[in-house]
Amino acid sequence: MEIKRVTENERIGEFINKEFTDYAMDCDVALNYEEFCFVAEDDGKIAGVITGRAYYNEVHIGDLIVGKSYRREGVGSKLVAAVEDAYKGKGYEKIALTTFGFQAPEFYKKLGYELEFVRKDKDPKLCKYFYLKKINFSFGINEKETAK
């Protein structure tokens, strides 16, 4: 067996998708897999982009990038809201993301994301913040009975 570094291609993507799906099915877990990308445009110019994946019961924001000339104009908030709106009511319970200290911890806090964990670093700018926001509230058995 040989281990080598490669750039992702169609064959590797197909392998990942098949094995990821098959393993979830073997474990009796609903995969619900979907990649997403939302773009904010201003007269054909890209102002910002948000990307990520939804799988199992979670949506994960991978990247949120807002162009320098569009920062502090609400573009990032609108992109995050687009993701939240797109996945409400679709069986996903939470949105998870990470950000570094120099990026946007306070931004996500302002949007209602709860800090789960901070992985400290000797450089505070490189501390990694793990955030979560619940988007669907499902009742447990006892809560259903109480609600009646």
N, C-alpha and C. Protein backbone atom coordinates (compact mmCIF):
# COMPACT_ATOMS: atom_id res chain seq x y z
N MET A 1 0.84 -1.18 0.00
CA MET A 1 0.00 0.00 0.00
C MET A 1 0.89 1.24 0.00
N GLU A 2 0.48 2.24 -0.77
CA GLU A 2 1.22 3.48 -0.88
C GLU A 2 0.34 4.63 -0.38
N ILE A 3 0.89 5.50 0.42
CA ILE A 3 0.19 6.70 0.88
C ILE A 3 0.81 7.89 0.15
N LYS A 4 -0.04 8.69 -0.50
CA LYS A 4 0.49 9.84 -1.22
C LYS A 4 -0.47 11.01 -1.12
N ARG A 5 0.07 12.17 -1.23
CA ARG A 5 -0.74 13.38 -1.22
C ARG A 5 -1.24 13.65 -2.63
N VAL A 6 -2.56 13.97 -2.74
CA VAL A 6 -3.15 14.24 -4.05
C VAL A 6 -4.05 15.46 -3.93
N THR A 7 -4.38 16.03 -5.06
CA THR A 7 -5.42 17.06 -5.07
C THR A 7 -6.73 16.32 -5.32
N GLU A 8 -7.80 16.75 -4.67
CA GLU A 8 -9.07 16.04 -4.79
C GLU A 8 -9.55 16.05 -6.24
N ASN A 9 -10.06 14.92 -6.65
CA ASN A 9 -10.63 14.81 -7.99
C ASN A 9 -11.95 14.07 -7.92
N GLU A 10 -12.59 13.88 -9.03
CA GLU A 10 -13.91 13.25 -9.08
C GLU A 10 -13.91 11.85 -8.48
N ARG A 11 -12.90 11.06 -8.78
CA ARG A 11 -12.83 9.68 -8.27
C ARG A 11 -12.76 9.67 -6.75
N ILE A 12 -11.99 10.56 -6.17
CA ILE A 12 -11.87 10.63 -4.71
C ILE A 12 -13.17 11.14 -4.10
N GLY A 13 -13.78 12.13 -4.72
CA GLY A 13 -15.06 12.64 -4.24
C GLY A 13 -16.13 11.57 -4.24
N GLU A 14 -16.18 10.76 -5.28
CA GLU A 14 -17.15 9.67 -5.35
C GLU A 14 -16.90 8.66 -4.24
N PHE A 15 -15.63 8.32 -3.99
CA PHE A 15 -15.28 7.39 -2.92
C PHE A 15 -15.74 7.93 -1.56
N ILE A 16 -15.43 9.21 -1.29
CA ILE A 16 -15.80 9.82 -0.02
C ILE A 16 -17.32 9.80 0.15
N ASN A 17 -18.06 10.23 -0.86
CA ASN A 17 -19.52 10.26 -0.76
C ASN A 17 -20.11 8.88 -0.53
N LYS A 18 -19.63 7.90 -1.26
CA LYS A 18 -20.16 6.53 -1.11
C LYS A 18 -19.87 5.98 0.28
N GLU A 19 -18.63 6.07 0.72
CA GLU A 19 -18.27 5.50 2.02
C GLU A 19 -18.92 6.26 3.18
N PHE A 20 -19.00 7.56 3.07
CA PHE A 20 -19.65 8.39 4.10
C PHE A 20 -21.12 7.99 4.23
N THR A 21 -21.79 7.85 3.09
CA THR A 21 -23.20 7.47 3.06
C THR A 21 -23.40 6.05 3.57
N ASP A 22 -22.60 5.11 3.07
CA ASP A 22 -22.74 3.72 3.48
C ASP A 22 -22.51 3.54 4.97
N TYR A 23 -21.52 4.23 5.53
CA TYR A 23 -21.23 4.10 6.95
C TYR A 23 -22.38 4.63 7.80
N ALA A 24 -22.95 5.76 7.40
CA ALA A 24 -24.10 6.31 8.12
C ALA A 24 -25.26 5.32 8.08
N MET A 25 -25.50 4.72 6.91
CA MET A 25 -26.58 3.74 6.79
C MET A 25 -26.29 2.52 7.65
N ASP A 26 -25.06 2.05 7.65
CA ASP A 26 -24.69 0.90 8.49
C ASP A 26 -24.93 1.19 9.97
N CYS A 27 -24.78 2.45 10.36
CA CYS A 27 -24.96 2.86 11.76
C CYS A 27 -26.39 3.30 12.04
N ASP A 28 -27.28 3.16 11.05
CA ASP A 28 -28.68 3.53 11.17
C ASP A 28 -28.84 5.01 11.56
N VAL A 29 -28.11 5.87 10.86
CA VAL A 29 -28.16 7.31 11.08
C VAL A 29 -28.54 7.97 9.75
N ALA A 30 -29.51 8.88 9.80
CA ALA A 30 -29.91 9.60 8.60
C ALA A 30 -28.81 10.59 8.23
N LEU A 31 -28.30 10.49 7.03
CA LEU A 31 -27.18 11.31 6.59
C LEU A 31 -27.59 12.76 6.32
N ASN A 32 -28.64 12.97 5.57
CA ASN A 32 -29.12 14.33 5.25
C ASN A 32 -28.02 15.22 4.69
N TYR A 33 -27.16 14.71 3.86
CA TYR A 33 -25.98 15.45 3.41
C TYR A 33 -26.31 16.44 2.29
N GLU A 34 -25.80 17.65 2.46
CA GLU A 34 -25.98 18.68 1.44
C GLU A 34 -24.90 19.74 1.62
N GLU A 35 -24.23 20.09 0.54
CA GLU A 35 -23.28 21.20 0.58
C GLU A 35 -24.02 22.47 0.21
N PHE A 36 -23.54 23.62 0.71
CA PHE A 36 -24.19 24.87 0.35
C PHE A 36 -23.16 25.96 0.11
N CYS A 37 -23.60 26.93 -0.67
CA CYS A 37 -22.81 28.13 -0.94
C CYS A 37 -23.81 29.24 -1.26
N PHE A 38 -23.78 30.30 -0.46
CA PHE A 38 -24.59 31.48 -0.72
C PHE A 38 -23.65 32.63 -1.05
N VAL A 39 -24.03 33.44 -2.01
CA VAL A 39 -23.20 34.55 -2.46
C VAL A 39 -24.00 35.85 -2.35
N ALA A 40 -23.37 36.88 -1.80
CA ALA A 40 -23.95 38.23 -1.80
C ALA A 40 -23.30 38.98 -2.95
N GLU A 41 -24.13 39.51 -3.85
CA GLU A 41 -23.60 40.24 -5.01
C GLU A 41 -24.09 41.67 -5.01
N ASP A 42 -23.26 42.55 -5.50
CA ASP A 42 -23.59 43.96 -5.63
C ASP A 42 -23.24 44.37 -7.05
N ASP A 43 -24.27 44.54 -7.88
CA ASP A 43 -24.06 44.86 -9.30
C ASP A 43 -23.09 43.91 -9.98
N GLY A 44 -23.28 42.60 -9.72
CA GLY A 44 -22.45 41.58 -10.35
C GLY A 44 -21.12 41.34 -9.67
N LYS A 45 -20.78 42.15 -8.69
CA LYS A 45 -19.52 42.00 -7.96
C LYS A 45 -19.78 41.19 -6.69
N ILE A 46 -18.91 40.23 -6.40
CA ILE A 46 -19.07 39.42 -5.18
C ILE A 46 -18.72 40.27 -3.97
N ALA A 47 -19.69 40.40 -3.05
CA ALA A 47 -19.50 41.14 -1.81
C ALA A 47 -19.14 40.20 -0.66
N GLY A 48 -19.63 38.94 -0.74
CA GLY A 48 -19.36 37.97 0.30
C GLY A 48 -19.84 36.60 -0.09
N VAL A 49 -19.31 35.59 0.62
CA VAL A 49 -19.64 34.19 0.35
C VAL A 49 -19.69 33.45 1.67
N ILE A 50 -20.64 32.52 1.79
CA ILE A 50 -20.68 31.62 2.93
C ILE A 50 -20.84 30.20 2.39
N THR A 51 -20.03 29.28 2.88
CA THR A 51 -20.07 27.89 2.41
C THR A 51 -20.14 26.95 3.60
N GLY A 52 -20.52 25.73 3.33
CA GLY A 52 -20.53 24.72 4.37
C GLY A 52 -21.24 23.47 3.93
N ARG A 53 -21.57 22.64 4.93
CA ARG A 53 -22.23 21.37 4.68
C ARG A 53 -23.27 21.13 5.76
N ALA A 54 -24.33 20.48 5.37
CA ALA A 54 -25.33 20.00 6.32
C ALA A 54 -25.25 18.47 6.29
N TYR A 55 -25.22 17.87 7.47
CA TYR A 55 -25.22 16.42 7.54
C TYR A 55 -25.67 15.99 8.92
N TYR A 56 -26.24 14.76 8.96
CA TYR A 56 -26.86 14.23 10.17
C TYR A 56 -27.90 15.23 10.66
N ASN A 57 -27.75 15.78 11.86
CA ASN A 57 -28.73 16.73 12.37
C ASN A 57 -28.11 18.12 12.54
N GLU A 58 -27.02 18.38 11.82
CA GLU A 58 -26.24 19.59 12.04
C GLU A 58 -25.87 20.27 10.72
N VAL A 59 -25.87 21.58 10.76
CA VAL A 59 -25.37 22.39 9.64
C VAL A 59 -24.03 22.94 10.10
N HIS A 60 -23.02 22.85 9.26
CA HIS A 60 -21.71 23.37 9.64
C HIS A 60 -21.28 24.45 8.66
N ILE A 61 -21.08 25.65 9.20
CA ILE A 61 -20.57 26.74 8.38
C ILE A 61 -19.07 26.58 8.30
N GLY A 62 -18.55 26.46 7.08
CA GLY A 62 -17.12 26.28 6.88
C GLY A 62 -16.40 27.61 6.72
N ASP A 63 -16.87 28.42 5.80
CA ASP A 63 -16.22 29.70 5.52
C ASP A 63 -17.26 30.79 5.37
N LEU A 64 -16.97 31.94 5.95
CA LEU A 64 -17.72 33.17 5.72
C LEU A 64 -16.68 34.23 5.39
N ILE A 65 -16.73 34.72 4.17
CA ILE A 65 -15.77 35.72 3.71
C ILE A 65 -16.55 36.91 3.17
N VAL A 66 -16.25 38.09 3.69
CA VAL A 66 -16.87 39.32 3.21
C VAL A 66 -15.75 40.21 2.66
N GLY A 67 -15.96 40.72 1.46
CA GLY A 67 -14.97 41.59 0.84
C GLY A 67 -14.69 42.81 1.70
N LYS A 68 -13.46 43.25 1.68
CA LYS A 68 -13.02 44.36 2.54
C LYS A 68 -13.92 45.59 2.42
N SER A 69 -14.30 45.95 1.21
CA SER A 69 -15.10 47.17 1.03
C SER A 69 -16.56 46.98 1.45
N TYR A 70 -16.98 45.75 1.83
CA TYR A 70 -18.36 45.49 2.23
C TYR A 70 -18.49 45.16 3.72
N ARG A 71 -17.38 45.14 4.44
CA ARG A 71 -17.43 44.81 5.87
C ARG A 71 -18.14 45.90 6.64
N ARG A 72 -18.81 45.48 7.68
CA ARG A 72 -19.58 46.37 8.58
C ARG A 72 -20.78 47.01 7.89
N GLU A 73 -21.27 46.35 6.84
CA GLU A 73 -22.48 46.82 6.14
C GLU A 73 -23.62 45.81 6.24
N GLY A 74 -23.46 44.77 7.08
CA GLY A 74 -24.52 43.78 7.27
C GLY A 74 -24.48 42.60 6.31
N VAL A 75 -23.47 42.56 5.45
CA VAL A 75 -23.39 41.47 4.47
C VAL A 75 -23.20 40.12 5.17
N GLY A 76 -22.30 40.06 6.13
CA GLY A 76 -22.05 38.81 6.85
C GLY A 76 -23.29 38.33 7.58
N SER A 77 -23.99 39.24 8.25
CA SER A 77 -25.22 38.89 8.97
C SER A 77 -26.28 38.34 8.01
N LYS A 78 -26.39 38.96 6.84
CA LYS A 78 -27.37 38.50 5.86
C LYS A 78 -27.01 37.12 5.31
N LEU A 79 -25.74 36.86 5.12
CA LEU A 79 -25.31 35.54 4.64
C LEU A 79 -25.58 34.46 5.69
N VAL A 80 -25.27 34.75 6.95
CA VAL A 80 -25.55 33.79 8.02
C VAL A 80 -27.06 33.55 8.12
N ALA A 81 -27.85 34.61 8.04
CA ALA A 81 -29.31 34.48 8.09
C ALA A 81 -29.83 33.63 6.93
N ALA A 82 -29.21 33.73 5.76
CA ALA A 82 -29.62 32.91 4.61
C ALA A 82 -29.44 31.43 4.91
N VAL A 83 -28.33 31.09 5.56
CA VAL A 83 -28.10 29.68 5.94
C VAL A 83 -29.13 29.25 6.97
N GLU A 84 -29.32 30.06 7.99
CA GLU A 84 -30.29 29.72 9.04
C GLU A 84 -31.67 29.50 8.45
N ASP A 85 -32.11 30.40 7.59
CA ASP A 85 -33.43 30.29 6.96
C ASP A 85 -33.54 29.05 6.07
N ALA A 86 -32.47 28.75 5.35
CA ALA A 86 -32.49 27.62 4.42
C ALA A 86 -32.64 26.28 5.12
N TYR A 87 -32.17 26.18 6.36
CA TYR A 87 -32.16 24.88 7.03
C TYR A 87 -33.15 24.74 8.17
N LYS A 88 -33.87 25.79 8.51
CA LYS A 88 -34.93 25.67 9.53
C LYS A 88 -36.02 24.76 8.99
N GLY A 89 -36.51 23.88 9.86
CA GLY A 89 -37.62 23.02 9.47
C GLY A 89 -37.26 21.88 8.56
N LYS A 90 -35.98 21.61 8.37
CA LYS A 90 -35.56 20.52 7.48
C LYS A 90 -34.95 19.36 8.26
N GLY A 91 -35.14 19.32 9.57
CA GLY A 91 -34.63 18.21 10.37
C GLY A 91 -33.26 18.45 10.97
N TYR A 92 -32.68 19.58 10.69
CA TYR A 92 -31.39 19.92 11.29
C TYR A 92 -31.66 20.67 12.59
N GLU A 93 -30.91 20.34 13.62
CA GLU A 93 -31.17 20.90 14.94
C GLU A 93 -30.27 22.08 15.30
N LYS A 94 -29.10 22.15 14.69
CA LYS A 94 -28.14 23.16 15.11
C LYS A 94 -27.23 23.57 13.97
N ILE A 95 -26.64 24.75 14.15
CA ILE A 95 -25.61 25.23 13.23
C ILE A 95 -24.33 25.36 14.05
N ALA A 96 -23.27 24.78 13.56
CA ALA A 96 -21.99 24.81 14.26
C ALA A 96 -20.95 25.50 13.37
N LEU A 97 -19.98 26.14 14.02
CA LEU A 97 -18.91 26.78 13.27
C LEU A 97 -17.72 27.03 14.19
N THR A 98 -16.60 27.32 13.57
CA THR A 98 -15.41 27.74 14.32
C THR A 98 -14.89 29.03 13.72
N THR A 99 -14.22 29.80 14.56
CA THR A 99 -13.60 31.04 14.11
C THR A 99 -12.38 31.30 14.99
N PHE A 100 -11.41 31.98 14.47
CA PHE A 100 -10.22 32.31 15.25
C PHE A 100 -10.40 33.65 15.94
N GLY A 101 -9.58 33.90 16.95
CA GLY A 101 -9.66 35.12 17.73
C GLY A 101 -9.56 36.39 16.90
N PHE A 102 -8.77 36.38 15.84
CA PHE A 102 -8.61 37.59 15.02
C PHE A 102 -9.73 37.73 14.00
N GLN A 103 -10.59 36.73 13.90
CA GLN A 103 -11.64 36.77 12.89
C GLN A 103 -12.94 37.35 13.45
N ALA A 104 -13.83 36.49 13.97
CA ALA A 104 -15.17 37.01 14.25
C ALA A 104 -15.88 36.45 15.48
N PRO A 105 -15.19 36.20 16.59
CA PRO A 105 -15.92 35.66 17.75
C PRO A 105 -17.07 36.55 18.21
N GLU A 106 -16.86 37.84 18.29
CA GLU A 106 -17.90 38.75 18.77
C GLU A 106 -19.05 38.86 17.77
N PHE A 107 -18.76 38.76 16.50
CA PHE A 107 -19.78 38.79 15.45
C PHE A 107 -20.77 37.66 15.65
N TYR A 108 -20.27 36.43 15.83
CA TYR A 108 -21.17 35.28 15.99
C TYR A 108 -21.94 35.36 17.30
N LYS A 109 -21.30 35.84 18.35
CA LYS A 109 -21.96 36.02 19.64
C LYS A 109 -23.15 36.98 19.47
N LYS A 110 -22.94 38.07 18.73
CA LYS A 110 -23.98 39.06 18.46
C LYS A 110 -25.15 38.45 17.70
N LEU A 111 -24.88 37.44 16.88
CA LEU A 111 -25.93 36.78 16.09
C LEU A 111 -26.64 35.67 16.86
N GLY A 112 -26.31 35.51 18.15
CA GLY A 112 -27.00 34.53 18.97
C GLY A 112 -26.33 33.17 19.05
N TYR A 113 -25.12 33.05 18.56
CA TYR A 113 -24.40 31.79 18.65
C TYR A 113 -23.80 31.68 20.05
N GLU A 114 -23.87 30.47 20.62
CA GLU A 114 -23.36 30.23 21.96
C GLU A 114 -21.96 29.64 21.88
N LEU A 115 -21.07 30.18 22.69
CA LEU A 115 -19.70 29.68 22.73
C LEU A 115 -19.69 28.35 23.47
N GLU A 116 -19.20 27.30 22.80
CA GLU A 116 -19.09 25.99 23.43
C GLU A 116 -17.72 25.76 24.05
N PHE A 117 -16.69 26.28 23.36
CA PHE A 117 -15.34 25.93 23.77
C PHE A 117 -14.36 26.90 23.12
N VAL A 118 -13.27 27.18 23.82
CA VAL A 118 -12.17 27.94 23.23
C VAL A 118 -10.92 27.10 23.36
N ARG A 119 -10.30 26.81 22.24
CA ARG A 119 -9.01 26.13 22.28
C ARG A 119 -7.94 27.21 22.31
N LYS A 120 -7.31 27.33 23.45
CA LYS A 120 -6.33 28.40 23.68
C LYS A 120 -5.08 28.19 22.84
N ASP A 121 -4.43 29.30 22.54
CA ASP A 121 -3.16 29.30 21.83
C ASP A 121 -2.27 30.35 22.49
N LYS A 122 -0.96 30.19 22.36
CA LYS A 122 -0.06 31.20 22.95
C LYS A 122 -0.27 32.57 22.33
N ASP A 123 -0.73 32.59 21.08
CA ASP A 123 -1.09 33.84 20.40
C ASP A 123 -2.61 33.98 20.48
N PRO A 124 -3.14 34.93 21.25
CA PRO A 124 -4.60 35.07 21.39
C PRO A 124 -5.35 35.20 20.06
N LYS A 125 -4.69 35.74 19.05
CA LYS A 125 -5.32 35.86 17.73
C LYS A 125 -5.61 34.49 17.13
N LEU A 126 -4.87 33.47 17.59
CA LEU A 126 -5.03 32.13 17.03
C LEU A 126 -5.78 31.18 17.96
N CYS A 127 -6.38 31.71 19.03
CA CYS A 127 -7.30 30.89 19.82
C CYS A 127 -8.48 30.55 18.91
N LYS A 128 -8.94 29.31 19.01
CA LYS A 128 -10.03 28.87 18.13
C LYS A 128 -11.31 28.77 18.95
N TYR A 129 -12.35 29.44 18.46
CA TYR A 129 -13.64 29.50 19.13
C TYR A 129 -14.64 28.58 18.44
N PHE A 130 -15.32 27.75 19.21
CA PHE A 130 -16.30 26.81 18.71
C PHE A 130 -17.69 27.32 19.12
N TYR A 131 -18.54 27.60 18.14
CA TYR A 131 -19.87 28.16 18.40
C TYR A 131 -20.97 27.23 17.91
N LEU A 132 -22.15 27.39 18.53
CA LEU A 132 -23.32 26.57 18.20
C LEU A 132 -24.58 27.41 18.35
N LYS A 133 -25.53 27.18 17.45
CA LYS A 133 -26.85 27.82 17.57
C LYS A 133 -27.90 26.78 17.24
N LYS A 134 -28.88 26.64 18.12
CA LYS A 134 -29.98 25.71 17.86
C LYS A 134 -30.96 26.37 16.89
N ILE A 135 -31.41 25.61 15.89
CA ILE A 135 -32.34 26.18 14.91
C ILE A 135 -33.69 25.49 14.91
N ASN A 136 -33.77 24.29 15.47
CA ASN A 136 -35.04 23.58 15.57
C ASN A 136 -35.13 23.01 16.97
N PHE A 137 -36.26 23.18 17.57
CA PHE A 137 -36.45 22.62 18.90
C PHE A 137 -37.44 21.48 18.80
N SER A 138 -36.96 20.28 19.13
CA SER A 138 -37.85 19.12 19.09
C SER A 138 -38.15 18.72 20.53
N PHE A 139 -39.36 18.30 20.76
CA PHE A 139 -39.77 17.90 22.10
C PHE A 139 -39.33 16.47 22.39
N GLY A 140 -38.87 16.24 23.59
CA GLY A 140 -38.61 14.88 24.06
C GLY A 140 -39.92 14.30 24.54
N ILE A 141 -39.95 13.03 24.90
CA ILE A 141 -41.19 12.36 25.33
C ILE A 141 -41.80 13.06 26.54
N ASN A 142 -40.99 13.33 27.57
CA ASN A 142 -41.51 13.97 28.77
C ASN A 142 -42.01 15.38 28.48
N GLU A 143 -41.32 16.10 27.62
CA GLU A 143 -41.74 17.46 27.30
C GLU A 143 -43.05 17.47 26.53
N LYS A 144 -43.28 16.45 25.68
CA LYS A 144 -44.53 16.35 24.94
C LYS A 144 -45.68 16.18 25.91
N GLU A 145 -45.49 15.29 26.88
CA GLU A 145 -46.54 15.02 27.85
C GLU A 145 -46.83 16.26 28.67
N THR A 146 -45.79 17.00 29.04
CA THR A 146 -45.94 18.22 29.83
C THR A 146 -46.66 19.29 29.03
N ALA A 147 -46.41 19.34 27.73
CA ALA A 147 -46.99 20.37 26.87
C ALA A 147 -48.48 20.15 26.63
N LYS A 148 -48.98 18.92 26.85
CA LYS A 148 -50.40 18.62 26.59
C LYS A 148 -51.31 19.27 27.59
